[in-house]
Amino acid sequence: MATNARLDRIETNLEKLTQVTGALAASITAHDDQIENLLHIAEIQQQRWEQLQREWQAYLTTIHPRQ
């Protein structure tokens, strides 16, 4: 194979790898963003659950006070 043809093939492959790497990086960033959003939602749900527990405990105390 001629040197120029070989260099062209290597250049083409390098360009393809560059494109794939860019797409992969974007995909990883999008995935990280999704995980971050899910963690934020989980934190909010945890806060709501804790608030609900406090409210129920307060309600139960009003209908059945401890003696």
PDB file of N, CA and C in Angstrom:
ATOM      1  N   MET A   1       0.857  -1.174   0.000  1.00  0.00           N
ATOM      2  CA  MET A   1       0.000   0.000   0.000  1.00  0.00           C
ATOM      3  C   MET A   1       0.900   1.234   0.000  1.00  0.00           C
ATOM      4  N   ALA A   2       0.536   2.161  -0.823  1.00  0.00           N
ATOM      5  CA  ALA A   2       1.339   3.373  -0.955  1.00  0.00           C
ATOM      6  C   ALA A   2       1.252   4.188   0.334  1.00  0.00           C
ATOM      7  N   THR A   3       2.301   4.919   0.591  1.00  0.00           N
ATOM      8  CA  THR A   3       2.380   5.709   1.818  1.00  0.00           C
ATOM      9  C   THR A   3       1.250   6.726   1.905  1.00  0.00           C
ATOM     10  N   ASN A   4       0.969   7.388   0.794  1.00  0.00           N
ATOM     11  CA  ASN A   4      -0.104   8.390   0.812  1.00  0.00           C
ATOM     12  C   ASN A   4      -1.459   7.757   1.094  1.00  0.00           C
ATOM     13  N   ALA A   5      -1.723   6.617   0.502  1.00  0.00           N
ATOM     14  CA  ALA A   5      -2.998   5.920   0.728  1.00  0.00           C
ATOM     15  C   ALA A   5      -3.096   5.486   2.191  1.00  0.00           C
ATOM     16  N   ARG A   6      -1.996   5.020   2.707  1.00  0.00           N
ATOM     17  CA  ARG A   6      -1.974   4.590   4.109  1.00  0.00           C
ATOM     18  C   ARG A   6      -2.207   5.776   5.045  1.00  0.00           C
ATOM     19  N   LEU A   7      -1.566   6.894   4.770  1.00  0.00           N
ATOM     20  CA  LEU A   7      -1.772   8.104   5.570  1.00  0.00           C
ATOM     21  C   LEU A   7      -3.222   8.587   5.485  1.00  0.00           C
ATOM     22  N   ASP A   8      -3.799   8.498   4.276  1.00  0.00           N
ATOM     23  CA  ASP A   8      -5.205   8.892   4.117  1.00  0.00           C
ATOM     24  C   ASP A   8      -6.117   7.991   4.949  1.00  0.00           C
ATOM     25  N   ARG A   9      -5.840   6.705   4.932  1.00  0.00           N
ATOM     26  CA  ARG A   9      -6.645   5.761   5.714  1.00  0.00           C
ATOM     27  C   ARG A   9      -6.515   6.050   7.208  1.00  0.00           C
ATOM     28  N   ILE A  10      -5.296   6.305   7.650  1.00  0.00           N
ATOM     29  CA  ILE A  10      -5.061   6.625   9.061  1.00  0.00           C
ATOM     30  C   ILE A  10      -5.782   7.924   9.432  1.00  0.00           C
ATOM     31  N   GLU A  11      -5.715   8.919   8.572  1.00  0.00           N
ATOM     32  CA  GLU A  11      -6.391  10.198   8.805  1.00  0.00           C
ATOM     33  C   GLU A  11      -7.900  10.011   8.909  1.00  0.00           C
ATOM     34  N   THR A  12      -8.448   9.205   8.000  1.00  0.00           N
ATOM     35  CA  THR A  12      -9.891   8.938   8.006  1.00  0.00           C
ATOM     36  C   THR A  12     -10.297   8.242   9.302  1.00  0.00           C
ATOM     37  N   ASN A  13      -9.524   7.254   9.695  1.00  0.00           N
ATOM     38  CA  ASN A  13      -9.829   6.541  10.946  1.00  0.00           C
ATOM     39  C   ASN A  13      -9.717   7.452  12.157  1.00  0.00           C
ATOM     40  N   LEU A  14      -8.743   8.324  12.136  1.00  0.00           N
ATOM     41  CA  LEU A  14      -8.556   9.263  13.238  1.00  0.00           C
ATOM     42  C   LEU A  14      -9.739  10.223  13.332  1.00  0.00           C
ATOM     43  N   GLU A  15     -10.226  10.684  12.180  1.00  0.00           N
ATOM     44  CA  GLU A  15     -11.405  11.564  12.167  1.00  0.00           C
ATOM     45  C   GLU A  15     -12.623  10.835  12.717  1.00  0.00           C
ATOM     46  N   LYS A  16     -12.798   9.570  12.350  1.00  0.00           N
ATOM     47  CA  LYS A  16     -13.921   8.782  12.871  1.00  0.00           C
ATOM     48  C   LYS A  16     -13.813   8.618  14.379  1.00  0.00           C
ATOM     49  N   LEU A  17     -12.615   8.332  14.844  1.00  0.00           N
ATOM     50  CA  LEU A  17     -12.408   8.185  16.289  1.00  0.00           C
ATOM     51  C   LEU A  17     -12.694   9.494  17.025  1.00  0.00           C
ATOM     52  N   THR A  18     -12.317  10.596  16.431  1.00  0.00           N
ATOM     53  CA  THR A  18     -12.579  11.908  17.025  1.00  0.00           C
ATOM     54  C   THR A  18     -14.073  12.144  17.133  1.00  0.00           C
ATOM     55  N   GLN A  19     -14.817  11.793  16.101  1.00  0.00           N
ATOM     56  CA  GLN A  19     -16.268  11.953  16.128  1.00  0.00           C
ATOM     57  C   GLN A  19     -16.905  11.064  17.192  1.00  0.00           C
ATOM     58  N   VAL A  20     -16.466   9.823  17.250  1.00  0.00           N
ATOM     59  CA  VAL A  20     -17.008   8.886  18.237  1.00  0.00           C
ATOM     60  C   VAL A  20     -16.699   9.366  19.651  1.00  0.00           C
ATOM     61  N   THR A  21     -15.494   9.851  19.852  1.00  0.00           N
ATOM     62  CA  THR A  21     -15.095  10.353  21.171  1.00  0.00           C
ATOM     63  C   THR A  21     -15.949  11.543  21.575  1.00  0.00           C
ATOM     64  N   GLY A  22     -16.209  12.440  20.636  1.00  0.00           N
ATOM     65  CA  GLY A  22     -17.062  13.595  20.922  1.00  0.00           C
ATOM     66  C   GLY A  22     -18.473  13.173  21.275  1.00  0.00           C
ATOM     67  N   ALA A  23     -19.018  12.226  20.533  1.00  0.00           N
ATOM     68  CA  ALA A  23     -20.368  11.735  20.806  1.00  0.00           C
ATOM     69  C   ALA A  23     -20.429  11.029  22.160  1.00  0.00           C
ATOM     70  N   LEU A  24     -19.409  10.264  22.470  1.00  0.00           N
ATOM     71  CA  LEU A  24     -19.353   9.561  23.745  1.00  0.00           C
ATOM     72  C   LEU A  24     -19.278  10.541  24.911  1.00  0.00           C
ATOM     73  N   ALA A  25     -18.481  11.576  24.761  1.00  0.00           N
ATOM     74  CA  ALA A  25     -18.367  12.587  25.816  1.00  0.00           C
ATOM     75  C   ALA A  25     -19.711  13.269  26.046  1.00  0.00           C
ATOM     76  N   ALA A  26     -20.425  13.581  24.978  1.00  0.00           N
ATOM     77  CA  ALA A  26     -21.749  14.208  25.109  1.00  0.00           C
ATOM     78  C   ALA A  26     -22.725  13.266  25.796  1.00  0.00           C
ATOM     79  N   SER A  27     -22.642  11.999  25.461  1.00  0.00           N
ATOM     80  CA  SER A  27     -23.520  11.001  26.071  1.00  0.00           C
ATOM     81  C   SER A  27     -23.233  10.862  27.566  1.00  0.00           C
ATOM     82  N   ILE A  28     -21.981  10.861  27.925  1.00  0.00           N
ATOM     83  CA  ILE A  28     -21.595  10.756  29.336  1.00  0.00           C
ATOM     84  C   ILE A  28     -22.073  11.986  30.103  1.00  0.00           C
ATOM     85  N   THR A  29     -21.928  13.152  29.509  1.00  0.00           N
ATOM     86  CA  THR A  29     -22.389  14.383  30.152  1.00  0.00           C
ATOM     87  C   THR A  29     -23.896  14.345  30.365  1.00  0.00           C
ATOM     88  N   ALA A  30     -24.634  13.904  29.359  1.00  0.00           N
ATOM     89  CA  ALA A  30     -26.095  13.808  29.485  1.00  0.00           C
ATOM     90  C   ALA A  30     -26.473  12.817  30.570  1.00  0.00           C
ATOM     91  N   HIS A  31     -25.775  11.709  30.647  1.00  0.00           N
ATOM     92  CA  HIS A  31     -26.041  10.701  31.677  1.00  0.00           C
ATOM     93  C   HIS A  31     -25.748  11.261  33.061  1.00  0.00           C
ATOM     94  N   ASP A  32     -24.655  11.957  33.207  1.00  0.00           N
ATOM     95  CA  ASP A  32     -24.313  12.582  34.484  1.00  0.00           C
ATOM     96  C   ASP A  32     -25.385  13.583  34.911  1.00  0.00           C
ATOM     97  N   ASP A  33     -25.894  14.342  33.947  1.00  0.00           N
ATOM     98  CA  ASP A  33     -26.958  15.303  34.241  1.00  0.00           C
ATOM     99  C   ASP A  33     -28.225  14.589  34.724  1.00  0.00           C
ATOM    100  N   GLN A  34     -28.551  13.467  34.088  1.00  0.00           N
ATOM    101  CA  GLN A  34     -29.715  12.692  34.503  1.00  0.00           C
ATOM    102  C   GLN A  34     -29.539  12.185  35.933  1.00  0.00           C
ATOM    103  N   ILE A  35     -28.366  11.681  36.238  1.00  0.00           N
ATOM    104  CA  ILE A  35     -28.097  11.177  37.584  1.00  0.00           C
ATOM    105  C   ILE A  35     -28.208  12.306  38.602  1.00  0.00           C
ATOM    106  N   GLU A  36     -27.655  13.458  38.264  1.00  0.00           N
ATOM    107  CA  GLU A  36     -27.722  14.606  39.168  1.00  0.00           C
ATOM    108  C   GLU A  36     -29.175  15.011  39.428  1.00  0.00           C
ATOM    109  N   ASN A  37     -29.989  15.026  38.369  1.00  0.00           N
ATOM    110  CA  ASN A  37     -31.402  15.359  38.530  1.00  0.00           C
ATOM    111  C   ASN A  37     -32.130  14.326  39.388  1.00  0.00           C
ATOM    112  N   LEU A  38     -31.832  13.057  39.182  1.00  0.00           N
ATOM    113  CA  LEU A  38     -32.466  12.012  39.984  1.00  0.00           C
ATOM    114  C   LEU A  38     -32.064  12.114  41.455  1.00  0.00           C
ATOM    115  N   LEU A  39     -30.823  12.437  41.718  1.00  0.00           N
ATOM    116  CA  LEU A  39     -30.386  12.621  43.101  1.00  0.00           C
ATOM    117  C   LEU A  39     -31.097  13.806  43.746  1.00  0.00           C
ATOM    118  N   HIS A  40     -31.284  14.870  42.979  1.00  0.00           N
ATOM    119  CA  HIS A  40     -31.998  16.037  43.494  1.00  0.00           C
ATOM    120  C   HIS A  40     -33.452  15.664  43.826  1.00  0.00           C
ATOM    121  N   ILE A  41     -34.090  14.919  42.936  1.00  0.00           N
ATOM    122  CA  ILE A  41     -35.465  14.480  43.180  1.00  0.00           C
ATOM    123  C   ILE A  41     -35.527  13.583  44.416  1.00  0.00           C
ATOM    124  N   ALA A  42     -34.563  12.691  44.570  1.00  0.00           N
ATOM    125  CA  ALA A  42     -34.530  11.806  45.733  1.00  0.00           C
ATOM    126  C   ALA A  42     -34.379  12.607  47.026  1.00  0.00           C
ATOM    127  N   GLU A  43     -33.568  13.646  47.007  1.00  0.00           N
ATOM    128  CA  GLU A  43     -33.403  14.489  48.194  1.00  0.00           C
ATOM    129  C   GLU A  43     -34.711  15.193  48.549  1.00  0.00           C
ATOM    130  N   ILE A  44     -35.410  15.690  47.544  1.00  0.00           N
ATOM    131  CA  ILE A  44     -36.690  16.353  47.781  1.00  0.00           C
ATOM    132  C   ILE A  44     -37.701  15.352  48.342  1.00  0.00           C
ATOM    133  N   GLN A  45     -37.737  14.162  47.760  1.00  0.00           N
ATOM    134  CA  GLN A  45     -38.662  13.132  48.244  1.00  0.00           C
ATOM    135  C   GLN A  45     -38.346  12.752  49.693  1.00  0.00           C
ATOM    136  N   GLN A  46     -37.071  12.674  50.024  1.00  0.00           N
ATOM    137  CA  GLN A  46     -36.676  12.357  51.395  1.00  0.00           C
ATOM    138  C   GLN A  46     -37.151  13.437  52.354  1.00  0.00           C
ATOM    139  N   GLN A  47     -37.008  14.701  51.971  1.00  0.00           N
ATOM    140  CA  GLN A  47     -37.469  15.805  52.809  1.00  0.00           C
ATOM    141  C   GLN A  47     -38.984  15.754  52.988  1.00  0.00           C
ATOM    142  N   ARG A  48     -39.697  15.475  51.908  1.00  0.00           N
ATOM    143  CA  ARG A  48     -41.157  15.382  51.989  1.00  0.00           C
ATOM    144  C   ARG A  48     -41.580  14.225  52.894  1.00  0.00           C
ATOM    145  N   TRP A  49     -40.896  13.096  52.768  1.00  0.00           N
ATOM    146  CA  TRP A  49     -41.210  11.934  53.591  1.00  0.00           C
ATOM    147  C   TRP A  49     -40.981  12.254  55.069  1.00  0.00           C
ATOM    148  N   GLU A  50     -39.879  12.900  55.375  1.00  0.00           N
ATOM    149  CA  GLU A  50     -39.598  13.264  56.765  1.00  0.00           C
ATOM    150  C   GLU A  50     -40.649  14.234  57.301  1.00  0.00           C
ATOM    151  N   GLN A  51     -41.061  15.191  56.471  1.00  0.00           N
ATOM    152  CA  GLN A  51     -42.109  16.130  56.880  1.00  0.00           C
ATOM    153  C   GLN A  51     -43.427  15.397  57.114  1.00  0.00           C
ATOM    154  N   LEU A  52     -43.765  14.483  56.245  1.00  0.00           N
ATOM    155  CA  LEU A  52     -44.993  13.708  56.398  1.00  0.00           C
ATOM    156  C   LEU A  52     -44.957  12.876  57.682  1.00  0.00           C
ATOM    157  N   GLN A  53     -43.816  12.301  57.978  1.00  0.00           N
ATOM    158  CA  GLN A  53     -43.686  11.538  59.228  1.00  0.00           C
ATOM    159  C   GLN A  53     -43.924  12.441  60.443  1.00  0.00           C
ATOM    160  N   ARG A  54     -43.348  13.641  60.421  1.00  0.00           N
ATOM    161  CA  ARG A  54     -43.547  14.574  61.536  1.00  0.00           C
ATOM    162  C   ARG A  54     -45.019  14.971  61.665  1.00  0.00           C
ATOM    163  N   GLU A  55     -45.659  15.222  60.530  1.00  0.00           N
ATOM    164  CA  GLU A  55     -47.059  15.609  60.560  1.00  0.00           C
ATOM    165  C   GLU A  55     -47.941  14.479  61.103  1.00  0.00           C
ATOM    166  N   TRP A  56     -47.672  13.259  60.664  1.00  0.00           N
ATOM    167  CA  TRP A  56     -48.451  12.130  61.163  1.00  0.00           C
ATOM    168  C   TRP A  56     -48.199  11.919  62.649  1.00  0.00           C
ATOM    169  N   GLN A  57     -46.979  12.067  63.072  1.00  0.00           N
ATOM    170  CA  GLN A  57     -46.681  11.899  64.494  1.00  0.00           C
ATOM    171  C   GLN A  57     -47.409  12.968  65.314  1.00  0.00           C
ATOM    172  N   ALA A  58     -47.423  14.186  64.822  1.00  0.00           N
ATOM    173  CA  ALA A  58     -48.136  15.254  65.510  1.00  0.00           C
ATOM    174  C   ALA A  58     -49.636  14.952  65.548  1.00  0.00           C
ATOM    175  N   TYR A  59     -50.188  14.469  64.456  1.00  0.00           N
ATOM    176  CA  TYR A  59     -51.611  14.129  64.405  1.00  0.00           C
ATOM    177  C   TYR A  59     -51.932  12.995  65.379  1.00  0.00           C
ATOM    178  N   LEU A  60     -51.107  11.945  65.340  1.00  0.00           N
ATOM    179  CA  LEU A  60     -51.359  10.812  66.237  1.00  0.00           C
ATOM    180  C   LEU A  60     -51.259  11.216  67.688  1.00  0.00           C
ATOM    181  N   THR A  61     -50.375  12.154  67.987  1.00  0.00           N
ATOM    182  CA  THR A  61     -50.234  12.640  69.363  1.00  0.00           C
ATOM    183  C   THR A  61     -51.503  13.386  69.793  1.00  0.00           C
ATOM    184  N   THR A  62     -52.145  14.078  68.870  1.00  0.00           N
ATOM    185  CA  THR A  62     -53.361  14.818  69.232  1.00  0.00           C
ATOM    186  C   THR A  62     -54.536  13.882  69.475  1.00  0.00           C
ATOM    187  N   ILE A  63     -54.613  12.748  68.775  1.00  0.00           N
ATOM    188  CA  ILE A  63     -55.749  11.855  68.994  1.00  0.00           C
ATOM    189  C   ILE A  63     -55.477  10.817  70.086  1.00  0.00           C
ATOM    190  N   HIS A  64     -54.230  10.618  70.400  1.00  0.00           N
ATOM    191  CA  HIS A  64     -53.877   9.660  71.450  1.00  0.00           C
ATOM    192  C   HIS A  64     -52.649  10.191  72.201  1.00  0.00           C
ATOM    193  N   PRO A  65     -52.877  11.178  73.078  1.00  0.00           N
ATOM    194  CA  PRO A  65     -51.717  11.752  73.782  1.00  0.00           C
ATOM    195  C   PRO A  65     -51.047  10.719  74.680  1.00  0.00           C
ATOM    196  N   ARG A  66     -49.760  10.843  74.801  1.00  0.00           N
ATOM    197  CA  ARG A  66     -49.011   9.952  75.708  1.00  0.00           C
ATOM    198  C   ARG A  66     -49.281  10.363  77.141  1.00  0.00           C
ATOM    199  N   GLN A  67     -49.368   9.389  77.987  1.00  0.00           N
ATOM    200  CA  GLN A  67     -49.643   9.687  79.399  1.00  0.00           C
ATOM    201  C   GLN A  67     -48.476   9.339  80.281  1.00  0.00           C
TER     202      GLN A  67
END
